[in-house]
């Protein structure tokens, strides 16, 4: 339950931040990804994975949160089979965990 509330709060925070530059920005939740930000033509501009952990530890390349996010993005991109010249959405992971220095993440 806490993770879903985190996801909702993050979506609202991101929407408020983005609406200052673009008042037409639209957000969608739980369709292709946890949170999606859409272009005016309703194509996803950004896919955002929101990960909340009560005991925030290190986020690593071998951790399940990272690989679940990658799997979710692969599934979402399969569903976005648009024209070959269509822009790929930005893929972003936001987590309560921290990425140690010197790691890929």
N, C-alpha and C. Protein backbone atom coordinates (compact mmCIF):
# COMPACT_ATOMS: atom_id res chain seq x y z
N UNK A 1 0.82 -1.20 0.00
CA UNK A 1 0.00 0.00 0.00
C UNK A 1 0.86 1.26 0.00
N UNK A 2 1.93 1.25 0.78
CA UNK A 2 2.82 2.40 0.86
C UNK A 2 3.43 2.70 -0.50
N UNK A 3 3.79 1.65 -1.24
CA UNK A 3 4.39 1.83 -2.56
C UNK A 3 3.44 2.50 -3.54
N UNK A 4 2.16 2.13 -3.48
CA UNK A 4 1.19 2.73 -4.38
C UNK A 4 0.95 4.20 -4.02
N UNK A 5 0.91 4.51 -2.73
CA UNK A 5 0.76 5.90 -2.31
C UNK A 5 1.96 6.73 -2.75
N UNK A 6 3.16 6.14 -2.64
CA UNK A 6 4.37 6.81 -3.10
C UNK A 6 4.26 7.11 -4.59
N UNK A 7 3.77 6.15 -5.35
CA UNK A 7 3.60 6.30 -6.79
C UNK A 7 2.63 7.44 -7.11
N UNK A 8 1.52 7.51 -6.41
CA UNK A 8 0.53 8.58 -6.63
C UNK A 8 1.10 9.95 -6.27
N UNK A 9 1.79 10.03 -5.14
CA UNK A 9 2.39 11.29 -4.73
C UNK A 9 3.47 11.73 -5.71
N UNK A 10 4.27 10.79 -6.20
CA UNK A 10 5.31 11.11 -7.17
C UNK A 10 4.69 11.62 -8.47
N UNK A 11 3.61 10.99 -8.92
CA UNK A 11 2.92 11.43 -10.14
C UNK A 11 2.41 12.86 -9.98
N UNK A 12 1.80 13.16 -8.84
CA UNK A 12 1.29 14.52 -8.61
C UNK A 12 2.42 15.54 -8.52
N UNK A 13 3.49 15.18 -7.84
CA UNK A 13 4.64 16.08 -7.73
C UNK A 13 5.25 16.37 -9.10
N UNK A 14 5.46 15.33 -9.90
CA UNK A 14 6.02 15.49 -11.24
C UNK A 14 5.08 16.30 -12.13
N UNK A 15 3.79 16.06 -12.03
CA UNK A 15 2.81 16.79 -12.84
C UNK A 15 2.84 18.28 -12.47
N UNK A 16 2.88 18.59 -11.19
CA UNK A 16 2.94 19.98 -10.75
C UNK A 16 4.22 20.66 -11.24
N UNK A 17 5.35 19.96 -11.13
CA UNK A 17 6.63 20.52 -11.56
C UNK A 17 6.63 20.79 -13.06
N UNK A 18 6.14 19.86 -13.84
CA UNK A 18 6.16 19.98 -15.29
C UNK A 18 5.15 20.99 -15.81
N UNK A 19 4.04 21.16 -15.11
CA UNK A 19 2.98 22.04 -15.61
C UNK A 19 3.40 23.51 -15.62
N UNK A 20 4.46 23.87 -14.91
CA UNK A 20 4.96 25.25 -14.96
C UNK A 20 5.53 25.56 -16.34
N UNK A 21 6.21 24.59 -16.95
CA UNK A 21 6.77 24.80 -18.29
C UNK A 21 5.76 24.46 -19.39
N UNK A 22 4.90 23.48 -19.14
CA UNK A 22 3.97 23.02 -20.16
C UNK A 22 2.61 22.76 -19.52
N UNK A 23 1.70 23.74 -19.57
CA UNK A 23 0.40 23.57 -18.92
C UNK A 23 -0.48 22.50 -19.57
N UNK A 24 -0.09 21.98 -20.74
CA UNK A 24 -0.88 20.94 -21.40
C UNK A 24 -0.39 19.54 -21.07
N UNK A 25 0.62 19.42 -20.21
CA UNK A 25 1.19 18.11 -19.89
C UNK A 25 0.10 17.19 -19.32
N UNK A 26 0.16 15.94 -19.72
CA UNK A 26 -0.80 14.94 -19.23
C UNK A 26 -0.06 13.78 -18.60
N UNK A 27 -0.66 13.22 -17.57
CA UNK A 27 -0.08 12.08 -16.88
C UNK A 27 -1.09 10.93 -16.93
N UNK A 28 -0.55 9.74 -17.00
CA UNK A 28 -1.38 8.53 -17.00
C UNK A 28 -0.68 7.54 -16.07
N UNK A 29 -1.47 6.75 -15.35
CA UNK A 29 -0.87 5.80 -14.41
C UNK A 29 -1.35 4.39 -14.72
N UNK A 30 -0.42 3.45 -14.55
CA UNK A 30 -0.71 2.02 -14.62
C UNK A 30 -1.30 1.55 -15.95
N UNK A 31 -0.85 2.14 -17.05
CA UNK A 31 -1.28 1.62 -18.34
C UNK A 31 -0.10 0.90 -18.99
N UNK A 32 0.89 1.65 -19.42
CA UNK A 32 2.12 1.02 -19.93
C UNK A 32 3.16 0.88 -18.83
N UNK A 33 3.14 1.80 -17.88
CA UNK A 33 4.13 1.82 -16.80
C UNK A 33 3.48 2.39 -15.55
N UNK A 34 4.27 2.48 -14.47
CA UNK A 34 3.72 3.05 -13.23
C UNK A 34 3.15 4.43 -13.51
N UNK A 35 3.99 5.29 -14.12
CA UNK A 35 3.59 6.66 -14.43
C UNK A 35 4.07 6.96 -15.85
N UNK A 36 3.21 7.60 -16.64
CA UNK A 36 3.58 8.00 -18.00
C UNK A 36 3.25 9.47 -18.19
N UNK A 37 4.13 10.16 -18.89
CA UNK A 37 3.87 11.53 -19.30
C UNK A 37 3.71 11.51 -20.81
N UNK A 38 2.65 12.19 -21.29
CA UNK A 38 2.24 12.08 -22.68
C UNK A 38 2.52 13.34 -23.47
N UNK A 39 2.81 13.14 -24.77
CA UNK A 39 2.89 14.24 -25.71
C UNK A 39 1.47 14.70 -26.03
N UNK A 40 1.32 15.86 -26.67
CA UNK A 40 -0.03 16.31 -27.03
C UNK A 40 -0.81 15.31 -27.89
N UNK A 41 -0.10 14.49 -28.69
CA UNK A 41 -0.80 13.50 -29.51
C UNK A 41 -1.05 12.19 -28.75
N UNK A 42 -0.85 12.22 -27.43
CA UNK A 42 -1.11 11.08 -26.52
C UNK A 42 -0.09 9.95 -26.60
N UNK A 43 1.04 10.17 -27.27
CA UNK A 43 2.09 9.15 -27.24
C UNK A 43 2.94 9.38 -26.00
N UNK A 44 3.42 8.32 -25.38
CA UNK A 44 4.23 8.47 -24.16
C UNK A 44 5.56 9.17 -24.44
N UNK A 45 5.82 10.22 -23.71
CA UNK A 45 7.08 10.96 -23.79
C UNK A 45 8.08 10.38 -22.78
N UNK A 46 7.54 9.92 -21.64
CA UNK A 46 8.40 9.37 -20.58
C UNK A 46 7.66 8.28 -19.85
N UNK A 47 8.38 7.18 -19.58
CA UNK A 47 7.86 6.08 -18.76
C UNK A 47 8.65 6.09 -17.46
N UNK A 48 7.94 6.14 -16.35
CA UNK A 48 8.60 6.27 -15.06
C UNK A 48 8.22 5.09 -14.17
N UNK A 49 9.23 4.42 -13.66
CA UNK A 49 9.05 3.36 -12.67
C UNK A 49 9.27 3.98 -11.29
N UNK A 50 8.34 3.75 -10.38
CA UNK A 50 8.44 4.27 -9.01
C UNK A 50 8.61 3.09 -8.06
N UNK A 51 9.74 3.06 -7.35
CA UNK A 51 10.03 1.97 -6.41
C UNK A 51 10.20 2.53 -5.00
N UNK A 52 9.40 2.00 -4.09
CA UNK A 52 9.46 2.43 -2.69
C UNK A 52 9.81 1.24 -1.81
N UNK A 53 10.78 1.41 -0.96
CA UNK A 53 11.17 0.39 0.01
C UNK A 53 11.18 1.01 1.39
N UNK A 54 10.54 0.33 2.35
CA UNK A 54 10.52 0.81 3.73
C UNK A 54 11.94 0.94 4.29
N UNK A 55 12.73 -0.10 4.08
CA UNK A 55 14.13 -0.09 4.52
C UNK A 55 14.98 0.22 3.30
N UNK A 56 15.19 1.50 3.07
CA UNK A 56 15.94 1.92 1.88
C UNK A 56 17.40 1.53 2.01
N UNK A 57 17.84 0.69 1.12
CA UNK A 57 19.23 0.28 1.08
C UNK A 57 19.81 0.67 -0.26
N UNK A 58 20.87 -0.01 -0.67
CA UNK A 58 21.47 0.33 -1.95
C UNK A 58 20.66 -0.23 -3.13
N UNK A 59 20.62 0.54 -4.20
CA UNK A 59 20.02 0.11 -5.45
C UNK A 59 21.17 -0.41 -6.31
N UNK A 60 21.04 -1.63 -6.80
CA UNK A 60 22.17 -2.20 -7.55
C UNK A 60 21.72 -2.77 -8.89
N UNK A 61 22.72 -3.00 -9.75
CA UNK A 61 22.47 -3.57 -11.07
C UNK A 61 21.97 -5.00 -10.99
N UNK A 62 22.18 -5.65 -9.88
CA UNK A 62 21.74 -7.04 -9.73
C UNK A 62 20.45 -7.15 -8.91
N UNK A 63 19.92 -6.03 -8.43
CA UNK A 63 18.73 -6.05 -7.59
C UNK A 63 17.45 -6.25 -8.39
N UNK A 64 16.44 -6.80 -7.71
CA UNK A 64 15.19 -7.11 -8.40
C UNK A 64 14.44 -5.85 -8.83
N UNK A 65 14.54 -4.73 -8.11
CA UNK A 65 13.85 -3.50 -8.52
C UNK A 65 14.36 -3.02 -9.88
N UNK A 66 15.67 -3.07 -10.07
CA UNK A 66 16.25 -2.64 -11.35
C UNK A 66 15.77 -3.53 -12.48
N UNK A 67 15.86 -4.84 -12.30
CA UNK A 67 15.50 -5.77 -13.38
C UNK A 67 14.00 -5.83 -13.63
N UNK A 68 13.20 -5.62 -12.60
CA UNK A 68 11.75 -5.53 -12.82
C UNK A 68 11.41 -4.30 -13.64
N UNK A 69 12.13 -3.22 -13.40
CA UNK A 69 11.93 -2.00 -14.19
C UNK A 69 12.30 -2.24 -15.64
N UNK A 70 13.44 -2.87 -15.88
CA UNK A 70 13.87 -3.17 -17.24
C UNK A 70 12.82 -4.05 -17.94
N UNK A 71 12.33 -5.06 -17.26
CA UNK A 71 11.32 -5.95 -17.84
C UNK A 71 10.04 -5.18 -18.17
N UNK A 72 9.65 -4.29 -17.30
CA UNK A 72 8.45 -3.48 -17.53
C UNK A 72 8.63 -2.59 -18.76
N UNK A 73 9.81 -1.99 -18.90
CA UNK A 73 10.08 -1.13 -20.06
C UNK A 73 10.09 -1.94 -21.36
N UNK A 74 10.64 -3.13 -21.32
CA UNK A 74 10.65 -3.98 -22.52
C UNK A 74 9.21 -4.30 -22.93
N UNK A 75 8.38 -4.68 -21.98
CA UNK A 75 6.97 -4.96 -22.28
C UNK A 75 6.27 -3.72 -22.83
N UNK A 76 6.51 -2.57 -22.22
CA UNK A 76 5.87 -1.34 -22.68
C UNK A 76 6.31 -0.98 -24.09
N UNK A 77 7.60 -1.12 -24.38
CA UNK A 77 8.10 -0.77 -25.71
C UNK A 77 7.56 -1.72 -26.78
N UNK A 78 7.32 -2.96 -26.42
CA UNK A 78 6.69 -3.89 -27.37
C UNK A 78 5.30 -3.40 -27.74
N UNK A 79 4.58 -2.83 -26.78
CA UNK A 79 3.22 -2.34 -27.02
C UNK A 79 3.19 -1.00 -27.75
N UNK A 80 4.34 -0.34 -27.86
CA UNK A 80 4.43 0.95 -28.55
C UNK A 80 4.95 0.77 -29.97
N UNK A 81 4.50 -0.22 -30.65
CA UNK A 81 5.02 -0.50 -31.99
C UNK A 81 4.51 0.55 -32.97
N UNK A 82 5.14 1.73 -32.91
CA UNK A 82 4.78 2.82 -33.81
C UNK A 82 5.73 2.86 -34.99
N UNK A 83 5.72 3.95 -35.72
CA UNK A 83 6.63 4.08 -36.87
C UNK A 83 8.09 4.00 -36.43
N UNK A 84 8.94 3.54 -37.33
CA UNK A 84 10.36 3.36 -37.00
C UNK A 84 11.03 4.68 -36.63
N UNK A 85 10.52 5.79 -37.15
CA UNK A 85 11.13 7.08 -36.84
C UNK A 85 10.51 7.76 -35.62
N UNK A 86 9.61 7.08 -34.93
CA UNK A 86 8.99 7.65 -33.73
C UNK A 86 10.02 7.75 -32.61
N UNK A 87 9.93 8.80 -31.83
CA UNK A 87 10.87 9.00 -30.73
C UNK A 87 10.60 7.98 -29.62
N UNK A 88 11.68 7.42 -29.12
CA UNK A 88 11.56 6.49 -28.00
C UNK A 88 11.34 7.31 -26.73
N UNK A 89 10.42 6.87 -25.87
CA UNK A 89 10.20 7.62 -24.63
C UNK A 89 11.42 7.53 -23.71
N UNK A 90 11.55 8.52 -22.86
CA UNK A 90 12.58 8.51 -21.82
C UNK A 90 12.16 7.45 -20.81
N UNK A 91 13.11 6.62 -20.38
CA UNK A 91 12.85 5.58 -19.38
C UNK A 91 13.54 6.02 -18.09
N UNK A 92 12.76 6.15 -17.01
CA UNK A 92 13.32 6.67 -15.76
C UNK A 92 12.86 5.83 -14.59
N UNK A 93 13.79 5.58 -13.68
CA UNK A 93 13.53 4.85 -12.45
C UNK A 93 13.75 5.80 -11.28
N UNK A 94 12.73 5.94 -10.44
CA UNK A 94 12.82 6.75 -9.22
C UNK A 94 12.62 5.80 -8.05
N UNK A 95 13.57 5.82 -7.12
CA UNK A 95 13.56 4.86 -6.02
C UNK A 95 13.90 5.54 -4.70
N UNK A 96 13.42 4.97 -3.62
CA UNK A 96 13.81 5.44 -2.29
C UNK A 96 15.16 4.87 -1.88
N UNK A 97 15.67 3.95 -2.68
CA UNK A 97 17.00 3.39 -2.43
C UNK A 97 18.05 4.33 -3.01
N UNK A 98 19.29 4.14 -2.60
CA UNK A 98 20.37 4.99 -3.10
C UNK A 98 21.32 4.18 -3.98
N UNK A 99 21.83 4.82 -4.99
CA UNK A 99 22.79 4.17 -5.89
C UNK A 99 24.19 4.46 -5.38
N UNK A 100 24.94 3.41 -5.03
CA UNK A 100 26.29 3.63 -4.53
C UNK A 100 27.18 4.24 -5.61
N UNK A 101 28.15 5.06 -5.21
CA UNK A 101 29.07 5.67 -6.18
C UNK A 101 29.85 4.57 -6.92
N UNK A 102 30.15 4.86 -8.17
CA UNK A 102 30.96 3.92 -8.96
C UNK A 102 30.19 2.77 -9.58
N UNK A 103 28.86 2.78 -9.44
CA UNK A 103 28.06 1.71 -10.06
C UNK A 103 27.43 2.23 -11.33
N UNK A 104 26.96 1.31 -12.15
CA UNK A 104 26.26 1.66 -13.39
C UNK A 104 25.08 2.56 -13.12
N UNK A 105 24.35 2.27 -12.06
CA UNK A 105 23.15 3.03 -11.73
C UNK A 105 23.52 4.37 -11.17
